[in-house]
Amino acid sequence: MVGLGDDMNHEMDKVPLHIAGKRVYTDCQFQTINPATGGVIATVSGASVNDANLAVASAQASFRGWSESKPGERRTIFMRAADILEQRASQYCKYMQDETGADLVWCMFNIRTSAELLRDIAGRIAGIRGFIPATSDKGTTALVYQEPWGVILAIAPWNAPYILGFRSVAYALAAGNTCVLKGSELSPHCMFAIASIFEEAGLPQGCLNALYHRAEDAAEITRALIQHPAVKKINFTGSTTVGRTIAKVAGENLKPVLMELGGKASTIILEDADLRQGAIACAQGAFLHGGQICMSCERIIVQSSVADAFLRELESATKNLLGQGDGTQLMVSQKAADKINDLVQQAISSGAEPLIGSAASAKLAQGPRLKPVVLKHVTKEMDLYYTESFGPVVIIVTVDNEEQALAVANDTEYGLSAAVFTRNLHKALRLAKKIESGAVHINGMTVHDEPTLPHGGVKNSGFGRFGSEFGLQEFLKTKTVTFQN
């Protein structure tokens, strides 16, 4: 660390860390690249292990005061933060567009949903309470308290930086914890904005600290943060591969984790479904934000009796969704585009057939842009059948009946989101009960997340829940106190 600054008018072409309410500039720098232009957006101060330790120390020093703050004080801060976020929506959208390549619709959805999240949490803060249970000894009284854990390590990704960034710290802060937000190196502007918004809203200095670092420093810094004795719990949103590593290190240090990991969401189209409605939802669920959402629809399971009619509707819905232009979608990086294209090309070379898109057009010659691809004849021997593509790719699987549809939907290591389309609610509920997923949406797309609902996965999609009262409970521990009357 080479300097501190708190000048709020600093030009954001140089992104600092945010530690103890100060802007921290380091010699360990890296650059963010605009995926649309390939140009440099900003020079970013990358954290070192020493900076990470300073951030934890700052959060630890602020914990007692914040944990003793009153519900009304916290509620006011959260409401102000929501207002600030909305008032500067255009500025924060620009950060997100430049860093992640997201379109304006997805950026504004992030802003609106994040503001809604903050206000929803604000309304729940006063509901944190314990209880007085009955005891076997008449002369003994017991009190059960709910208390904050302490310092929370929050690790958030780039693809929905405001929703997932705010979510990673807001429930913890509302419950009286303090936080270190370790944001993606792909979206440091957005992560810095989150810390700045809370501070401007009145959050005491040191309660929320924001870090990012060079990709090559990730393992060392993440391990140091998890192992730090002041860090009491970790929440992580990201890939299953990285989640396994974080869970392992946390387990070695006996620290609890909350994880929302990858997905391979399926949409089941039954023969009595509204095919047009289902096709629109599948196109949106598969191709919104270029498929770079953990809940994106990656497999469409359709009954064979309506498969041809459905595919015609899907092609129409996809064309309407993509609108004018060359139909390509921007990925966050060339590396991401290459990975997705490799999965598609491997499947096609092994016998998969493109229904929308083609082998020739799946990858353009220049830039990290892909055309959405719908494939049939994808078999279990192909990587694409089981691997999360995290891109604008969806496969079609035809089945004869509900039982086969259920078997295919559950034939995955993931279990985050799913959807069922049918006019028969009883049938849909019966299937929803048997699908191994954290959420099932009937006659709606797989991408569905809102603050009033619990959100999280099963199997390799993670464990624990964000959202509603479940999100607050994740960041509260229980203490029992007894006394003699």
Protein backbone atom coordinates (compact mmCIF):
# COMPACT_ATOMS: atom_id res chain seq x y z
CA MET A 1 0.00 0.00 0.00
CA VAL A 2 1.50 3.29 -1.06
CA GLY A 3 -1.12 5.88 -0.29
CA LEU A 4 -4.48 6.79 1.17
CA GLY A 5 -6.99 9.25 -0.16
CA ASP A 6 -10.60 10.19 0.48
CA ASP A 7 -11.11 12.74 -2.30
CA MET A 8 -14.60 11.87 -3.59
CA ASN A 9 -13.93 13.81 -6.81
CA HIS A 10 -11.10 11.50 -7.87
CA GLU A 11 -11.10 10.60 -11.56
CA MET A 12 -12.27 7.00 -11.83
CA ASP A 13 -9.84 6.08 -14.59
CA LYS A 14 -7.76 4.99 -11.61
CA VAL A 15 -9.75 2.66 -9.38
CA PRO A 16 -8.56 2.42 -5.77
CA LEU A 17 -9.32 -0.10 -3.08
CA HIS A 18 -11.73 0.97 -0.35
CA ILE A 19 -10.34 0.25 3.14
CA ALA A 20 -11.38 1.87 6.42
CA GLY A 21 -13.33 4.52 4.55
CA LYS A 22 -10.25 5.57 2.56
CA ARG A 23 -9.25 5.24 -1.05
CA VAL A 24 -6.15 3.12 -1.16
CA TYR A 25 -3.77 3.20 -4.13
CA THR A 26 -1.22 0.45 -4.61
CA ASP A 27 1.79 -0.27 -6.78
CA CYS A 28 0.36 -3.67 -7.70
CA GLN A 29 -1.81 -2.50 -10.58
CA PHE A 30 -3.74 -4.05 -13.44
CA GLN A 31 -5.98 -2.77 -16.23
CA THR A 32 -9.62 -3.38 -17.01
CA ILE A 33 -10.52 -3.90 -20.65
CA ASN A 34 -13.77 -2.99 -22.39
CA PRO A 35 -14.85 -6.23 -24.09
CA ALA A 36 -16.73 -4.31 -26.79
CA THR A 37 -13.81 -2.16 -27.91
CA GLY A 38 -10.74 -3.90 -26.55
CA GLY A 39 -9.66 -0.56 -25.09
CA VAL A 40 -8.37 0.10 -21.59
CA ILE A 41 -11.05 1.39 -19.22
CA ALA A 42 -9.02 2.06 -16.10
CA THR A 43 -5.90 1.27 -14.14
CA VAL A 44 -6.90 -0.59 -10.99
CA SER A 45 -5.10 -0.84 -7.67
CA GLY A 46 -4.70 -4.52 -6.97
CA ALA A 47 -4.73 -5.78 -3.40
CA SER A 48 -1.87 -7.63 -1.76
CA VAL A 49 -2.14 -9.99 1.20
CA ASN A 50 -1.17 -7.05 3.40
CA ASP A 51 -4.03 -4.97 1.99
CA ALA A 52 -6.40 -7.87 2.57
CA ASN A 53 -5.28 -8.10 6.20
CA LEU A 54 -5.78 -4.34 6.62
CA ALA A 55 -9.31 -4.66 5.26
CA VAL A 56 -10.14 -7.42 7.73
CA ALA A 57 -8.62 -5.43 10.58
CA SER A 58 -10.74 -2.44 9.60
CA ALA A 59 -13.91 -4.55 9.56
CA GLN A 60 -13.00 -6.13 12.89
CA ALA A 61 -12.38 -2.74 14.52
CA SER A 62 -15.77 -1.49 13.31
CA PHE A 63 -17.75 -4.56 14.31
CA ARG A 64 -18.63 -3.75 17.93
CA GLY A 65 -20.02 -0.31 17.17
CA TRP A 66 -22.02 -1.47 14.16
CA SER A 67 -23.36 -4.59 15.89
CA GLU A 68 -24.73 -2.37 18.65
CA SER A 69 -26.43 0.06 16.25
CA LYS A 70 -30.22 0.29 16.38
CA PRO A 71 -32.54 -1.17 13.73
CA GLY A 72 -33.81 2.29 12.82
CA GLU A 73 -30.29 3.53 12.12
CA ARG A 74 -29.53 0.59 9.84
CA ARG A 75 -32.87 0.92 8.09
CA THR A 76 -32.25 4.60 7.33
CA ILE A 77 -28.83 3.82 5.83
CA PHE A 78 -30.25 1.10 3.60
CA MET A 79 -33.05 3.33 2.36
CA ARG A 80 -30.59 6.13 1.58
CA ALA A 81 -28.33 3.70 -0.26
CA ALA A 82 -31.25 2.62 -2.47
CA ASP A 83 -32.02 6.26 -3.27
CA ILE A 84 -28.40 7.05 -4.15
CA LEU A 85 -28.20 4.00 -6.39
CA GLU A 86 -31.28 5.05 -8.34
CA GLN A 87 -30.33 8.72 -8.52
CA ARG A 88 -27.01 7.84 -10.19
CA ALA A 89 -28.30 4.98 -12.30
CA SER A 90 -26.80 6.29 -15.54
CA GLN A 91 -23.33 6.58 -14.02
CA TYR A 92 -23.42 3.10 -12.49
CA CYS A 93 -24.85 1.61 -15.68
CA LYS A 94 -21.91 3.09 -17.57
CA TYR A 95 -19.47 1.35 -15.23
CA MET A 96 -21.24 -1.97 -15.79
CA GLN A 97 -21.54 -1.57 -19.56
CA ASP A 98 -17.87 -0.69 -19.96
CA GLU A 99 -16.57 -3.47 -17.72
CA THR A 100 -18.86 -6.40 -18.54
CA GLY A 101 -20.22 -5.62 -22.00
CA ALA A 102 -23.80 -5.79 -20.71
CA ASP A 103 -26.55 -4.02 -22.60
CA LEU A 104 -28.52 -1.17 -21.07
CA VAL A 105 -31.56 -3.36 -20.31
CA TRP A 106 -29.51 -5.76 -18.17
CA CYS A 107 -27.70 -2.88 -16.47
CA MET A 108 -30.94 -1.12 -15.53
CA PHE A 109 -32.39 -4.40 -14.31
CA ASN A 110 -29.36 -4.68 -12.01
CA ILE A 111 -29.92 -1.18 -10.66
CA ARG A 112 -33.66 -1.60 -10.09
CA THR A 113 -33.34 -5.03 -8.52
CA SER A 114 -30.52 -3.90 -6.24
CA ALA A 115 -32.53 -0.91 -5.02
CA GLU A 116 -35.49 -3.19 -4.39
CA LEU A 117 -33.20 -5.56 -2.51
CA LEU A 118 -31.93 -2.79 -0.24
CA ARG A 119 -35.43 -1.57 0.56
CA ASP A 120 -36.72 -5.08 1.19
CA ILE A 121 -33.87 -5.76 3.61
CA ALA A 122 -34.44 -2.39 5.31
CA GLY A 123 -37.99 -3.46 6.10
CA ARG A 124 -36.85 -6.73 7.66
CA ILE A 125 -34.16 -5.42 10.02
CA ALA A 126 -36.54 -4.74 12.92
CA GLY A 127 -37.81 -8.33 12.67
CA ILE A 128 -34.57 -9.84 14.00
CA ARG A 129 -35.43 -11.30 17.38
CA GLY A 130 -34.85 -14.21 19.75
CA PHE A 131 -37.27 -16.10 21.96
CA ILE A 132 -37.84 -17.48 25.47
CA PRO A 133 -38.36 -21.26 25.39
CA ALA A 134 -39.83 -23.38 28.14
CA THR A 135 -37.30 -25.26 30.31
CA SER A 136 -37.58 -28.50 32.30
CA ASP A 137 -36.52 -26.82 35.55
CA LYS A 138 -39.18 -24.46 36.95
CA GLY A 139 -36.47 -22.40 38.57
CA THR A 140 -34.58 -21.80 35.32
CA THR A 141 -35.30 -19.34 32.56
CA ALA A 142 -33.73 -19.52 29.13
CA LEU A 143 -33.16 -16.77 26.57
CA VAL A 144 -32.25 -17.48 22.97
CA TYR A 145 -30.52 -14.62 21.20
CA GLN A 146 -29.69 -14.02 17.57
CA GLU A 147 -26.36 -12.30 17.13
CA PRO A 148 -24.15 -11.31 14.18
CA TRP A 149 -21.17 -13.50 13.39
CA GLY A 150 -18.55 -10.75 13.13
CA VAL A 151 -16.50 -10.13 9.99
CA ILE A 152 -17.97 -11.65 6.82
CA LEU A 153 -15.93 -12.32 3.69
CA ALA A 154 -18.14 -11.71 0.64
CA ILE A 155 -16.91 -12.85 -2.78
CA ALA A 156 -18.98 -11.59 -5.71
CA PRO A 157 -18.72 -12.13 -9.51
CA TRP A 158 -18.86 -9.80 -12.51
CA ASN A 159 -21.92 -10.96 -14.47
CA ALA A 160 -24.54 -9.18 -12.34
CA PRO A 161 -22.18 -7.04 -10.29
CA TYR A 162 -24.73 -4.85 -8.52
CA ILE A 163 -27.31 -7.51 -7.72
CA LEU A 164 -24.74 -10.06 -6.60
CA GLY A 165 -22.38 -7.52 -5.07
CA PHE A 166 -25.02 -5.79 -2.96
CA ARG A 167 -26.56 -9.15 -2.05
CA SER A 168 -23.23 -10.48 -0.81
CA VAL A 169 -22.89 -7.75 1.81
CA ALA A 170 -26.35 -6.27 2.43
CA TYR A 171 -27.86 -9.16 4.41
CA ALA A 172 -24.70 -9.44 6.47
CA LEU A 173 -24.60 -5.71 7.23
CA ALA A 174 -28.31 -5.62 8.07
CA ALA A 175 -27.75 -8.39 10.63
CA GLY A 176 -25.01 -6.33 12.34
CA ASN A 177 -21.92 -7.88 10.76
CA THR A 178 -19.11 -6.00 9.04
CA CYS A 179 -17.74 -7.06 5.66
CA VAL A 180 -14.84 -7.39 3.31
CA LEU A 181 -16.14 -7.45 -0.27
CA LYS A 182 -13.74 -9.23 -2.60
CA GLY A 183 -15.06 -8.29 -6.01
CA SER A 184 -14.22 -9.58 -9.44
CA GLU A 185 -11.19 -8.10 -11.15
CA LEU A 186 -13.42 -7.73 -14.23
CA SER A 187 -15.78 -5.25 -12.55
CA PRO A 188 -13.84 -3.19 -9.95
CA HIS A 189 -15.66 0.08 -10.79
CA CYS A 190 -18.95 -1.57 -9.84
CA MET A 191 -17.58 -3.06 -6.63
CA PHE A 192 -16.01 0.25 -5.59
CA ALA A 193 -19.37 1.91 -6.25
CA ILE A 194 -21.12 -0.44 -3.81
CA ALA A 195 -18.77 0.51 -0.97
CA SER A 196 -19.00 4.22 -1.86
CA ILE A 197 -22.81 4.17 -1.96
CA PHE A 198 -23.07 2.61 1.50
CA GLU A 199 -20.55 5.04 2.94
CA GLU A 200 -22.34 8.06 1.48
CA ALA A 201 -25.60 6.68 2.87
CA GLY A 202 -24.12 6.84 6.37
CA LEU A 203 -22.54 3.44 6.96
CA PRO A 204 -19.69 4.00 9.46
CA GLN A 205 -16.19 3.85 8.02
CA GLY A 206 -14.62 0.40 8.10
CA CYS A 207 -17.90 -1.53 8.14
CA LEU A 208 -17.57 -2.31 4.43
CA ASN A 209 -14.23 -2.66 2.67
CA ALA A 210 -13.81 -3.42 -1.05
CA LEU A 211 -10.90 -5.32 -2.61
CA TYR A 212 -9.97 -6.66 -6.05
CA HIS A 213 -6.68 -8.05 -7.29
CA ARG A 214 -4.81 -9.41 -10.27
CA ALA A 215 -6.03 -12.80 -11.46
CA GLU A 216 -2.69 -14.41 -10.65
CA ASP A 217 -2.97 -13.28 -7.01
CA ALA A 218 -6.42 -14.80 -6.46
CA ALA A 219 -5.41 -18.03 -4.71
CA GLU A 220 -2.99 -16.41 -2.26
CA ILE A 221 -5.25 -13.53 -1.27
CA THR A 222 -8.43 -15.61 -1.03
CA ARG A 223 -6.69 -18.17 1.17
CA ALA A 224 -5.29 -15.44 3.41
CA LEU A 225 -8.74 -13.89 3.84
CA ILE A 226 -10.44 -17.19 4.65
CA GLN A 227 -7.71 -18.17 7.10
CA HIS A 228 -7.72 -14.83 8.91
CA PRO A 229 -8.95 -15.50 12.47
CA ALA A 230 -11.25 -12.45 12.44
CA VAL A 231 -13.21 -13.72 9.41
CA LYS A 232 -16.10 -15.77 10.80
CA LYS A 233 -18.13 -16.72 7.71
CA ILE A 234 -17.76 -16.69 3.93
CA ASN A 235 -20.31 -16.25 1.18
CA PHE A 236 -19.38 -16.92 -2.42
CA THR A 237 -21.20 -16.60 -5.72
CA GLY A 238 -19.40 -18.03 -8.72
CA SER A 239 -18.34 -21.20 -10.46
CA THR A 240 -18.59 -24.63 -8.90
CA THR A 241 -14.89 -25.24 -9.55
CA VAL A 242 -13.81 -22.21 -7.51
CA GLY A 243 -16.52 -22.93 -4.94
CA ARG A 244 -15.01 -26.33 -4.22
CA THR A 245 -11.64 -24.74 -3.49
CA ILE A 246 -13.14 -22.09 -1.22
CA ALA A 247 -15.20 -24.68 0.63
CA LYS A 248 -12.11 -26.83 1.14
CA VAL A 249 -10.07 -23.99 2.65
CA ALA A 250 -13.03 -22.88 4.78
CA GLY A 251 -13.54 -26.46 5.97
CA GLU A 252 -9.89 -26.77 6.95
CA ASN A 253 -10.42 -23.69 9.10
CA LEU A 254 -13.86 -24.82 10.38
CA LYS A 255 -15.65 -21.78 8.95
CA PRO A 256 -19.21 -21.88 7.60
CA VAL A 257 -19.94 -20.94 4.00
CA LEU A 258 -22.93 -19.83 1.95
CA MET A 259 -22.55 -20.64 -1.72
CA GLU A 260 -24.45 -20.03 -4.93
CA LEU A 261 -22.57 -21.85 -7.67
CA GLY A 262 -23.04 -22.91 -11.28
CA GLY A 263 -26.13 -24.16 -13.05
CA LYS A 264 -27.37 -26.16 -16.03
CA ALA A 265 -31.01 -25.15 -15.92
CA SER A 266 -33.60 -27.18 -17.81
CA THR A 267 -36.95 -26.05 -19.18
CA ILE A 268 -39.53 -28.80 -19.71
CA ILE A 269 -42.09 -28.20 -22.49
CA LEU A 270 -45.00 -30.62 -22.12
CA GLU A 271 -47.38 -31.40 -24.96
CA ASP A 272 -50.20 -29.32 -23.48
CA ALA A 273 -48.02 -26.22 -23.02
CA ASP A 274 -48.62 -22.86 -24.63
CA LEU A 275 -45.79 -23.32 -27.13
CA ARG A 276 -45.43 -19.65 -28.00
CA GLN A 277 -45.24 -18.65 -24.34
CA GLY A 278 -42.72 -21.40 -23.69
CA ALA A 279 -40.59 -20.47 -26.70
CA ILE A 280 -40.40 -16.80 -25.68
CA ALA A 281 -39.40 -17.76 -22.13
CA CYS A 282 -36.77 -20.22 -23.40
CA ALA A 283 -35.25 -17.66 -25.77
CA GLN A 284 -35.11 -15.06 -23.02
CA GLY A 285 -33.89 -17.53 -20.42
CA ALA A 286 -31.16 -18.86 -22.71
CA PHE A 287 -29.92 -15.68 -24.39
CA LEU A 288 -30.49 -12.84 -21.89
CA HIS A 289 -27.08 -11.25 -21.19
CA GLY A 290 -25.55 -13.70 -23.67
CA GLY A 291 -26.40 -16.66 -21.43
CA GLN A 292 -23.91 -15.37 -18.84
CA ILE A 293 -26.27 -15.96 -15.92
CA CYS A 294 -26.10 -18.92 -13.54
CA MET A 295 -29.85 -19.53 -14.03
CA SER A 296 -29.71 -19.42 -17.84
CA CYS A 297 -31.70 -22.09 -19.66
CA GLU A 298 -29.12 -24.49 -21.11
CA ARG A 299 -31.37 -27.49 -21.87
CA ILE A 300 -34.87 -27.52 -23.35
CA ILE A 301 -36.66 -30.82 -22.79
CA VAL A 302 -39.65 -31.05 -25.10
CA GLN A 303 -42.20 -33.80 -25.66
CA SER A 304 -41.71 -35.29 -29.11
CA SER A 305 -45.37 -34.84 -30.10
CA VAL A 306 -44.95 -31.04 -30.12
CA ALA A 307 -41.21 -30.78 -30.81
CA ASP A 308 -41.45 -29.57 -34.42
CA ALA A 309 -44.09 -26.95 -33.63
CA PHE A 310 -42.14 -25.77 -30.61
CA LEU A 311 -38.90 -25.39 -32.56
CA ARG A 312 -40.65 -23.18 -35.10
CA GLU A 313 -41.87 -20.97 -32.27
CA LEU A 314 -38.39 -20.94 -30.69
CA GLU A 315 -36.76 -19.81 -33.92
CA SER A 316 -39.27 -16.98 -34.24
CA ALA A 317 -38.88 -15.97 -30.59
CA THR A 318 -35.09 -15.94 -30.90
CA LYS A 319 -35.17 -13.72 -33.99
CA ASN A 320 -37.55 -11.30 -32.26
CA LEU A 321 -35.38 -11.20 -29.14
CA LEU A 322 -32.13 -10.48 -30.95
CA GLY A 323 -33.71 -7.86 -33.22
CA GLN A 324 -31.68 -6.05 -35.84
CA GLY A 325 -27.97 -6.40 -36.53
CA ASP A 326 -25.81 -9.45 -37.02
CA GLY A 327 -27.44 -11.34 -34.15
CA THR A 328 -24.23 -11.74 -32.18
CA GLN A 329 -23.88 -11.30 -28.44
CA LEU A 330 -20.89 -9.88 -26.61
CA MET A 331 -19.09 -12.11 -24.12
CA VAL A 332 -17.14 -10.69 -21.22
CA SER A 333 -13.79 -11.71 -22.76
CA GLN A 334 -12.18 -13.50 -25.68
CA LYS A 335 -11.23 -16.31 -23.29
CA ALA A 336 -14.87 -16.84 -22.36
CA ALA A 337 -15.96 -16.78 -26.01
CA ASP A 338 -13.29 -19.30 -26.97
CA LYS A 339 -14.34 -21.70 -24.22
CA ILE A 340 -17.98 -21.58 -25.28
CA ASN A 341 -17.11 -21.95 -28.96
CA ASP A 342 -14.92 -24.96 -28.20
CA LEU A 343 -17.85 -26.70 -26.48
CA VAL A 344 -20.11 -25.99 -29.45
CA GLN A 345 -17.59 -27.07 -32.07
CA GLN A 346 -16.76 -30.26 -30.19
CA ALA A 347 -20.44 -31.16 -30.06
CA ILE A 348 -21.00 -30.39 -33.76
CA SER A 349 -17.94 -32.38 -34.83
CA SER A 350 -19.31 -35.32 -32.81
CA GLY A 351 -22.72 -35.26 -34.50
CA ALA A 352 -24.78 -32.47 -32.90
CA GLU A 353 -26.90 -30.51 -35.38
CA PRO A 354 -27.41 -26.72 -35.19
CA LEU A 355 -31.07 -25.71 -35.43
CA ILE A 356 -30.34 -22.02 -34.93
CA GLY A 357 -26.83 -20.78 -35.70
CA SER A 358 -24.32 -22.92 -37.53
CA ALA A 359 -20.86 -24.35 -37.23
CA ALA A 360 -19.55 -21.56 -39.46
CA SER A 361 -21.31 -18.74 -37.62
CA ALA A 362 -20.90 -19.94 -34.06
CA LYS A 363 -17.77 -17.79 -33.74
CA LEU A 364 -16.92 -14.59 -35.53
CA ALA A 365 -13.38 -13.91 -36.65
CA GLN A 366 -12.94 -10.76 -34.58
CA GLY A 367 -13.77 -9.95 -31.00
CA PRO A 368 -15.45 -11.91 -28.22
CA ARG A 369 -18.84 -12.15 -29.94
CA LEU A 370 -20.96 -15.27 -30.47
CA LYS A 371 -24.13 -16.03 -32.32
CA PRO A 372 -26.74 -17.82 -30.20
CA VAL A 373 -26.80 -21.52 -31.01
CA VAL A 374 -29.57 -24.09 -30.52
CA LEU A 375 -28.39 -27.68 -30.96
CA LYS A 376 -30.11 -31.05 -31.18
CA HIS A 377 -28.61 -34.56 -31.10
CA VAL A 378 -26.29 -33.59 -28.22
CA THR A 379 -25.43 -36.86 -26.47
CA LYS A 380 -24.12 -37.61 -23.01
CA GLU A 381 -20.69 -38.32 -24.48
CA MET A 382 -20.33 -34.68 -25.53
CA ASP A 383 -18.97 -32.19 -22.99
CA LEU A 384 -21.77 -29.74 -23.74
CA TYR A 385 -24.42 -32.12 -22.38
CA TYR A 386 -23.20 -31.78 -18.79
CA THR A 387 -20.85 -28.77 -18.77
CA GLU A 388 -22.20 -25.32 -17.95
CA SER A 389 -21.50 -23.26 -21.07
CA PHE A 390 -22.22 -19.86 -19.48
CA GLY A 391 -22.95 -18.55 -22.94
CA PRO A 392 -25.69 -18.24 -25.60
CA VAL A 393 -26.00 -21.98 -26.17
CA VAL A 394 -28.97 -24.25 -25.51
CA ILE A 395 -29.56 -27.89 -26.43
CA ILE A 396 -32.83 -29.60 -27.36
CA VAL A 397 -33.68 -32.98 -25.86
CA THR A 398 -36.86 -34.73 -27.01
CA VAL A 399 -38.70 -37.15 -24.72
CA ASP A 400 -41.89 -39.19 -24.95
CA ASN A 401 -43.43 -38.54 -21.52
CA GLU A 402 -43.19 -36.78 -18.17
CA GLU A 403 -41.10 -39.53 -16.58
CA GLN A 404 -38.43 -39.21 -19.24
CA ALA A 405 -38.51 -35.42 -18.97
CA LEU A 406 -37.95 -35.63 -15.22
CA ALA A 407 -35.08 -38.08 -15.65
CA VAL A 408 -33.31 -35.76 -18.10
CA ALA A 409 -33.90 -32.68 -15.95
CA ASN A 410 -32.31 -34.41 -12.96
CA ASP A 411 -29.43 -35.89 -14.99
CA THR A 412 -27.00 -33.14 -14.01
CA GLU A 413 -24.68 -32.33 -11.15
CA TYR A 414 -26.34 -28.92 -10.86
CA GLY A 415 -29.60 -27.85 -9.28
CA LEU A 416 -30.16 -24.09 -9.22
CA SER A 417 -33.18 -23.30 -11.38
CA ALA A 418 -35.66 -25.08 -13.65
CA ALA A 419 -38.94 -24.41 -15.47
CA VAL A 420 -42.01 -26.37 -16.53
CA PHE A 421 -44.54 -25.31 -19.18
CA THR A 422 -48.00 -26.87 -19.13
CA ARG A 423 -51.62 -25.75 -18.85
CA ASN A 424 -52.19 -28.34 -16.12
CA LEU A 425 -51.16 -26.84 -12.77
CA HIS A 426 -51.55 -30.14 -10.92
CA LYS A 427 -49.17 -31.80 -13.37
CA ALA A 428 -46.71 -28.92 -13.08
CA LEU A 429 -46.70 -29.01 -9.29
CA ARG A 430 -46.19 -32.77 -9.34
CA LEU A 431 -43.13 -32.35 -11.55
CA ALA A 432 -41.83 -29.34 -9.61
CA LYS A 433 -41.81 -31.42 -6.43
CA LYS A 434 -39.59 -34.05 -8.06
CA ILE A 435 -37.14 -31.79 -9.89
CA GLU A 436 -33.88 -31.53 -7.96
CA SER A 437 -33.47 -27.77 -7.98
CA GLY A 438 -33.48 -24.82 -5.62
CA ALA A 439 -36.29 -23.23 -7.63
CA VAL A 440 -38.80 -24.37 -10.25
CA HIS A 441 -40.79 -21.82 -12.25
CA ILE A 442 -44.10 -22.90 -13.76
CA ASN A 443 -44.84 -21.19 -17.09
CA GLY A 444 -41.97 -18.77 -16.51
CA MET A 445 -38.32 -18.62 -17.56
CA THR A 446 -35.49 -20.14 -15.53
CA VAL A 447 -33.95 -16.70 -14.88
CA HIS A 448 -36.01 -15.55 -11.93
CA ASP A 449 -34.61 -14.02 -8.76
CA GLU A 450 -36.20 -11.40 -6.52
CA PRO A 451 -35.47 -10.15 -2.99
CA THR A 452 -38.68 -11.47 -1.44
CA LEU A 453 -37.87 -15.09 -2.38
CA PRO A 454 -35.20 -17.42 -0.99
CA HIS A 455 -32.55 -18.08 -3.62
CA GLY A 456 -29.91 -20.79 -3.81
CA GLY A 457 -29.16 -24.24 -5.15
CA VAL A 458 -28.85 -27.91 -4.34
CA LYS A 459 -26.29 -30.51 -5.41
CA ASN A 460 -23.27 -28.79 -7.01
CA SER A 461 -25.13 -25.51 -7.31
CA GLY A 462 -24.37 -24.76 -3.69
CA PHE A 463 -26.07 -24.53 -0.32
CA GLY A 464 -27.64 -21.92 1.92
CA ARG A 465 -30.02 -19.20 0.81
CA PHE A 466 -29.93 -15.52 -0.02
CA GLY A 467 -33.19 -13.57 -0.15
CA SER A 468 -36.09 -12.66 2.18
CA GLU A 469 -35.76 -13.62 5.85
CA PHE A 470 -33.58 -16.58 4.86
CA GLY A 471 -30.84 -14.19 3.81
CA LEU A 472 -30.81 -12.48 7.20
CA GLN A 473 -30.81 -15.78 9.07
CA GLU A 474 -27.68 -16.87 7.19
CA PHE A 475 -25.75 -14.08 8.90
CA LEU A 476 -27.06 -14.56 12.44
CA LYS A 477 -25.84 -17.09 14.98
CA THR A 478 -27.83 -18.43 17.91
CA LYS A 479 -26.82 -18.12 21.55
CA THR A 480 -28.62 -19.69 24.51
CA VAL A 481 -28.43 -18.08 27.97
CA THR A 482 -29.98 -19.61 31.09
CA PHE A 483 -30.33 -18.15 34.57
CA GLN A 484 -31.78 -19.19 37.88
CA ASN A 485 -34.88 -17.32 38.99
